[in-house]
């Protein structure tokens, strides 16, 4: 197991980036490794670069998102952060959150409200080669509608999906 960290967050920890759709940065940075120099002076990253395919696993401990309507999609995304402003994962000067492409989501196709309640388990495969040049990650939640509630989730990275883990 490469990472095992419980994230606790609430509305005070969320950054809404749009008034028309709820998008949040939640939790704390997930430190996946540090930059080092190899014998040639090139920067290398001792994170997931040697591990091949890994999975980001998320287990909802207590409700995160309440409300929402039919067809709503909630996406958990890995937000990359590096020293390059082009790869910044924070809200930029215009208030836009820069989402990266690595994402997975659940959607509600019924007429009932979508909520990320306790015991929901999610995971996604991530390829080390695509993330080896990043310093750390944040977990983000993007939702079309709904209310962010105080909640807890556990996130960990490992060589296989462990959706049933508590």
C-alpha atoms as a PDB file:
ATOM      1  CA  UNK A   1       0.000   0.000   0.000  1.00  0.00           C
ATOM      2  CA  UNK A   2       1.451   3.316  -1.071  1.00  0.00           C
ATOM      3  CA  UNK A   3      -0.941   5.669   0.627  1.00  0.00           C
ATOM      4  CA  UNK A   4      -3.457   5.370   3.407  1.00  0.00           C
ATOM      5  CA  UNK A   5      -4.886   8.612   4.653  1.00  0.00           C
ATOM      6  CA  UNK A   6      -8.222   9.654   6.069  1.00  0.00           C
ATOM      7  CA  UNK A   7      -9.491  12.991   4.854  1.00  0.00           C
ATOM      8  CA  UNK A   8     -12.003  14.957   6.862  1.00  0.00           C
ATOM      9  CA  UNK A   9     -13.629  18.035   5.426  1.00  0.00           C
ATOM     10  CA  UNK A  10     -16.642  20.267   5.591  1.00  0.00           C
ATOM     11  CA  UNK A  11     -18.011  23.351   3.943  1.00  0.00           C
ATOM     12  CA  UNK A  12     -15.235  25.461   5.417  1.00  0.00           C
ATOM     13  CA  UNK A  13     -12.718  23.390   3.470  1.00  0.00           C
ATOM     14  CA  UNK A  14     -14.530  23.638   0.155  1.00  0.00           C
ATOM     15  CA  UNK A  15     -13.724  26.122  -2.570  1.00  0.00           C
ATOM     16  CA  UNK A  16     -16.661  26.775  -4.878  1.00  0.00           C
ATOM     17  CA  UNK A  17     -15.429  27.828  -8.295  1.00  0.00           C
ATOM     18  CA  UNK A  18     -18.725  28.566  -9.979  1.00  0.00           C
ATOM     19  CA  UNK A  19     -22.074  29.923  -8.907  1.00  0.00           C
ATOM     20  CA  UNK A  20     -23.923  27.892 -11.529  1.00  0.00           C
ATOM     21  CA  UNK A  21     -22.432  24.515 -10.670  1.00  0.00           C
ATOM     22  CA  UNK A  22     -20.920  23.258  -7.453  1.00  0.00           C
ATOM     23  CA  UNK A  23     -17.262  22.376  -7.773  1.00  0.00           C
ATOM     24  CA  UNK A  24     -15.142  21.794  -4.728  1.00  0.00           C
ATOM     25  CA  UNK A  25     -11.585  21.155  -3.694  1.00  0.00           C
ATOM     26  CA  UNK A  26     -11.762  19.031  -0.573  1.00  0.00           C
ATOM     27  CA  UNK A  27      -9.459  17.460   1.925  1.00  0.00           C
ATOM     28  CA  UNK A  28      -5.730  17.766   2.200  1.00  0.00           C
ATOM     29  CA  UNK A  29      -2.944  17.275  -0.313  1.00  0.00           C
ATOM     30  CA  UNK A  30      -2.047  13.635  -0.814  1.00  0.00           C
ATOM     31  CA  UNK A  31       1.716  13.489  -0.886  1.00  0.00           C
ATOM     32  CA  UNK A  32       2.709  10.738  -3.291  1.00  0.00           C
ATOM     33  CA  UNK A  33       6.431  11.295  -3.363  1.00  0.00           C
ATOM     34  CA  UNK A  34       9.246  13.788  -3.442  1.00  0.00           C
ATOM     35  CA  UNK A  35      11.408  15.060  -6.253  1.00  0.00           C
ATOM     36  CA  UNK A  36      15.026  13.888  -6.254  1.00  0.00           C
ATOM     37  CA  UNK A  37      18.034  14.250  -8.530  1.00  0.00           C
ATOM     38  CA  UNK A  38      19.567  11.272 -10.269  1.00  0.00           C
ATOM     39  CA  UNK A  39      23.283  10.863 -10.992  1.00  0.00           C
ATOM     40  CA  UNK A  40      22.942  12.959 -14.170  1.00  0.00           C
ATOM     41  CA  UNK A  41      21.295  15.815 -12.341  1.00  0.00           C
ATOM     42  CA  UNK A  42      17.882  15.128 -13.865  1.00  0.00           C
ATOM     43  CA  UNK A  43      14.838  15.359 -11.660  1.00  0.00           C
ATOM     44  CA  UNK A  44      13.133  12.074 -10.886  1.00  0.00           C
ATOM     45  CA  UNK A  45      10.147  11.360  -8.714  1.00  0.00           C
ATOM     46  CA  UNK A  46      10.068   8.627  -6.107  1.00  0.00           C
ATOM     47  CA  UNK A  47       6.327   8.187  -6.131  1.00  0.00           C
ATOM     48  CA  UNK A  48       4.336   5.829  -8.327  1.00  0.00           C
ATOM     49  CA  UNK A  49       6.800   5.788 -11.187  1.00  0.00           C
ATOM     50  CA  UNK A  50       8.041   2.279 -10.455  1.00  0.00           C
ATOM     51  CA  UNK A  51       4.723   0.791  -9.534  1.00  0.00           C
ATOM     52  CA  UNK A  52       2.927   0.475 -12.873  1.00  0.00           C
ATOM     53  CA  UNK A  53      -0.851   0.515 -12.699  1.00  0.00           C
ATOM     54  CA  UNK A  54      -2.265   1.585  -9.362  1.00  0.00           C
ATOM     55  CA  UNK A  55      -5.713   2.393  -8.096  1.00  0.00           C
ATOM     56  CA  UNK A  56      -6.969   5.374  -6.187  1.00  0.00           C
ATOM     57  CA  UNK A  57      -9.533   3.960  -3.778  1.00  0.00           C
ATOM     58  CA  UNK A  58     -12.081   6.123  -2.001  1.00  0.00           C
ATOM     59  CA  UNK A  59     -14.390   4.908   0.739  1.00  0.00           C
ATOM     60  CA  UNK A  60     -17.034   7.321   1.974  1.00  0.00           C
ATOM     61  CA  UNK A  61     -17.229   7.149   5.766  1.00  0.00           C
ATOM     62  CA  UNK A  62     -20.008   9.676   6.268  1.00  0.00           C
ATOM     63  CA  UNK A  63     -22.118  11.593   3.795  1.00  0.00           C
ATOM     64  CA  UNK A  64     -20.353  14.077   1.572  1.00  0.00           C
ATOM     65  CA  UNK A  65     -22.908  15.381  -0.887  1.00  0.00           C
ATOM     66  CA  UNK A  66     -26.605  15.838  -0.239  1.00  0.00           C
ATOM     67  CA  UNK A  67     -29.291  16.836  -2.672  1.00  0.00           C
ATOM     68  CA  UNK A  68     -29.032  16.958  -6.417  1.00  0.00           C
ATOM     69  CA  UNK A  69     -31.455  15.822  -9.053  1.00  0.00           C
ATOM     70  CA  UNK A  70     -31.990  13.243 -11.731  1.00  0.00           C
ATOM     71  CA  UNK A  71     -29.104  12.720 -14.086  1.00  0.00           C
ATOM     72  CA  UNK A  72     -26.592  14.452 -11.840  1.00  0.00           C
ATOM     73  CA  UNK A  73     -23.019  13.265 -12.078  1.00  0.00           C
ATOM     74  CA  UNK A  74     -20.546  13.512  -9.248  1.00  0.00           C
ATOM     75  CA  UNK A  75     -16.922  13.166 -10.248  1.00  0.00           C
ATOM     76  CA  UNK A  76     -13.916  12.615  -8.044  1.00  0.00           C
ATOM     77  CA  UNK A  77     -10.836  13.946  -9.772  1.00  0.00           C
ATOM     78  CA  UNK A  78      -7.142  13.914  -9.120  1.00  0.00           C
ATOM     79  CA  UNK A  79      -5.982  17.496  -9.191  1.00  0.00           C
ATOM     80  CA  UNK A  80      -2.328  17.776  -9.992  1.00  0.00           C
ATOM     81  CA  UNK A  81      -0.101  20.343  -8.402  1.00  0.00           C
ATOM     82  CA  UNK A  82       3.404  21.181  -9.484  1.00  0.00           C
ATOM     83  CA  UNK A  83       5.756  24.128  -9.656  1.00  0.00           C
ATOM     84  CA  UNK A  84       4.557  24.862 -13.185  1.00  0.00           C
ATOM     85  CA  UNK A  85       1.745  27.404 -13.319  1.00  0.00           C
ATOM     86  CA  UNK A  86       0.392  25.573 -16.365  1.00  0.00           C
ATOM     87  CA  UNK A  87      -0.285  22.563 -14.148  1.00  0.00           C
ATOM     88  CA  UNK A  88      -1.656  24.468 -11.187  1.00  0.00           C
ATOM     89  CA  UNK A  89      -4.553  22.795  -9.457  1.00  0.00           C
ATOM     90  CA  UNK A  90      -5.676  25.726  -7.357  1.00  0.00           C
ATOM     91  CA  UNK A  91      -8.264  28.304  -8.294  1.00  0.00           C
ATOM     92  CA  UNK A  92      -6.586  30.739 -10.657  1.00  0.00           C
ATOM     93  CA  UNK A  93      -6.962  34.516 -10.741  1.00  0.00           C
ATOM     94  CA  UNK A  94     -10.199  34.314 -12.730  1.00  0.00           C
ATOM     95  CA  UNK A  95     -11.729  31.876 -10.258  1.00  0.00           C
ATOM     96  CA  UNK A  96     -11.498  28.869 -12.551  1.00  0.00           C
ATOM     97  CA  UNK A  97     -10.421  25.530 -11.183  1.00  0.00           C
ATOM     98  CA  UNK A  98      -8.081  23.678 -13.503  1.00  0.00           C
ATOM     99  CA  UNK A  99      -9.288  20.083 -13.585  1.00  0.00           C
ATOM    100  CA  UNK A 100      -7.025  17.402 -14.949  1.00  0.00           C
ATOM    101  CA  UNK A 101      -8.280  14.570 -17.127  1.00  0.00           C
ATOM    102  CA  UNK A 102      -7.882  11.749 -14.625  1.00  0.00           C
ATOM    103  CA  UNK A 103     -11.364  11.274 -13.289  1.00  0.00           C
ATOM    104  CA  UNK A 104     -14.050   8.799 -12.427  1.00  0.00           C
ATOM    105  CA  UNK A 105     -17.622   9.459 -11.556  1.00  0.00           C
ATOM    106  CA  UNK A 106     -20.935   8.087 -10.452  1.00  0.00           C
ATOM    107  CA  UNK A 107     -24.194   9.356 -11.882  1.00  0.00           C
ATOM    108  CA  UNK A 108     -27.822   9.188 -10.918  1.00  0.00           C
ATOM    109  CA  UNK A 109     -30.110   8.074 -13.732  1.00  0.00           C
ATOM    110  CA  UNK A 110     -33.214   7.787 -11.595  1.00  0.00           C
ATOM    111  CA  UNK A 111     -35.489  10.532 -10.376  1.00  0.00           C
ATOM    112  CA  UNK A 112     -34.206  10.290  -6.830  1.00  0.00           C
ATOM    113  CA  UNK A 113     -31.632  12.683  -5.453  1.00  0.00           C
ATOM    114  CA  UNK A 114     -28.004  11.685  -5.709  1.00  0.00           C
ATOM    115  CA  UNK A 115     -26.007  11.647  -2.507  1.00  0.00           C
ATOM    116  CA  UNK A 116     -22.595  10.352  -1.620  1.00  0.00           C
ATOM    117  CA  UNK A 117     -23.596   8.592   1.553  1.00  0.00           C
ATOM    118  CA  UNK A 118     -21.737   6.336   3.928  1.00  0.00           C
ATOM    119  CA  UNK A 119     -20.375   3.040   2.615  1.00  0.00           C
ATOM    120  CA  UNK A 120     -20.075   4.234  -0.991  1.00  0.00           C
ATOM    121  CA  UNK A 121     -16.856   2.820  -2.413  1.00  0.00           C
ATOM    122  CA  UNK A 122     -15.158   4.112  -5.547  1.00  0.00           C
ATOM    123  CA  UNK A 123     -11.878   3.371  -7.260  1.00  0.00           C
ATOM    124  CA  UNK A 124     -10.055   4.254 -10.445  1.00  0.00           C
ATOM    125  CA  UNK A 125      -6.937   2.953 -12.138  1.00  0.00           C
ATOM    126  CA  UNK A 126      -4.154   5.465 -12.539  1.00  0.00           C
ATOM    127  CA  UNK A 127      -1.096   4.973 -14.681  1.00  0.00           C
ATOM    128  CA  UNK A 128       2.172   5.881 -13.035  1.00  0.00           C
ATOM    129  CA  UNK A 129       3.727   7.080 -16.255  1.00  0.00           C
ATOM    130  CA  UNK A 130       1.189   9.861 -16.526  1.00  0.00           C
ATOM    131  CA  UNK A 131       1.647  11.178 -13.018  1.00  0.00           C
ATOM    132  CA  UNK A 132       5.327  10.620 -12.367  1.00  0.00           C
ATOM    133  CA  UNK A 133       6.193  14.275 -12.924  1.00  0.00           C
ATOM    134  CA  UNK A 134       3.828  15.649 -10.333  1.00  0.00           C
ATOM    135  CA  UNK A 135       4.592  16.457  -6.735  1.00  0.00           C
ATOM    136  CA  UNK A 136       1.287  15.803  -5.043  1.00  0.00           C
ATOM    137  CA  UNK A 137      -2.420  15.487  -5.598  1.00  0.00           C
ATOM    138  CA  UNK A 138      -5.625  16.851  -4.206  1.00  0.00           C
ATOM    139  CA  UNK A 139      -8.938  15.085  -4.379  1.00  0.00           C
ATOM    140  CA  UNK A 140     -11.695  17.172  -5.905  1.00  0.00           C
ATOM    141  CA  UNK A 141     -15.427  16.706  -6.142  1.00  0.00           C
ATOM    142  CA  UNK A 142     -17.338  18.177  -9.056  1.00  0.00           C
ATOM    143  CA  UNK A 143     -21.105  18.148  -8.936  1.00  0.00           C
ATOM    144  CA  UNK A 144     -23.686  19.791 -11.136  1.00  0.00           C
ATOM    145  CA  UNK A 145     -26.021  20.510  -8.242  1.00  0.00           C
ATOM    146  CA  UNK A 146     -26.314  19.621  -4.618  1.00  0.00           C
ATOM    147  CA  UNK A 147     -24.964  20.672  -1.265  1.00  0.00           C
ATOM    148  CA  UNK A 148     -21.600  19.769   0.181  1.00  0.00           C
ATOM    149  CA  UNK A 149     -22.065  18.395   3.661  1.00  0.00           C
ATOM    150  CA  UNK A 150     -19.518  17.852   6.368  1.00  0.00           C
ATOM    151  CA  UNK A 151     -18.241  14.352   5.907  1.00  0.00           C
ATOM    152  CA  UNK A 152     -15.349  11.959   5.984  1.00  0.00           C
ATOM    153  CA  UNK A 153     -13.716   9.765   3.427  1.00  0.00           C
ATOM    154  CA  UNK A 154     -10.750   7.455   3.370  1.00  0.00           C
ATOM    155  CA  UNK A 155      -8.454   7.525   0.372  1.00  0.00           C
ATOM    156  CA  UNK A 156      -5.611   5.193  -0.386  1.00  0.00           C
ATOM    157  CA  UNK A 157      -3.510   4.149  -3.338  1.00  0.00           C
ATOM    158  CA  UNK A 158      -2.565   0.551  -3.913  1.00  0.00           C
ATOM    159  CA  UNK A 159      -1.698  -1.942  -6.634  1.00  0.00           C
ATOM    160  CA  UNK A 160      -5.287  -3.182  -6.856  1.00  0.00           C
ATOM    161  CA  UNK A 161      -8.799  -1.919  -6.388  1.00  0.00           C
ATOM    162  CA  UNK A 162     -10.053  -2.540  -2.867  1.00  0.00           C
ATOM    163  CA  UNK A 163     -13.606  -1.279  -3.104  1.00  0.00           C
ATOM    164  CA  UNK A 164     -14.821  -3.344  -0.168  1.00  0.00           C
ATOM    165  CA  UNK A 165     -12.310  -1.997   2.303  1.00  0.00           C
ATOM    166  CA  UNK A 166     -13.608  -0.061   5.297  1.00  0.00           C
END
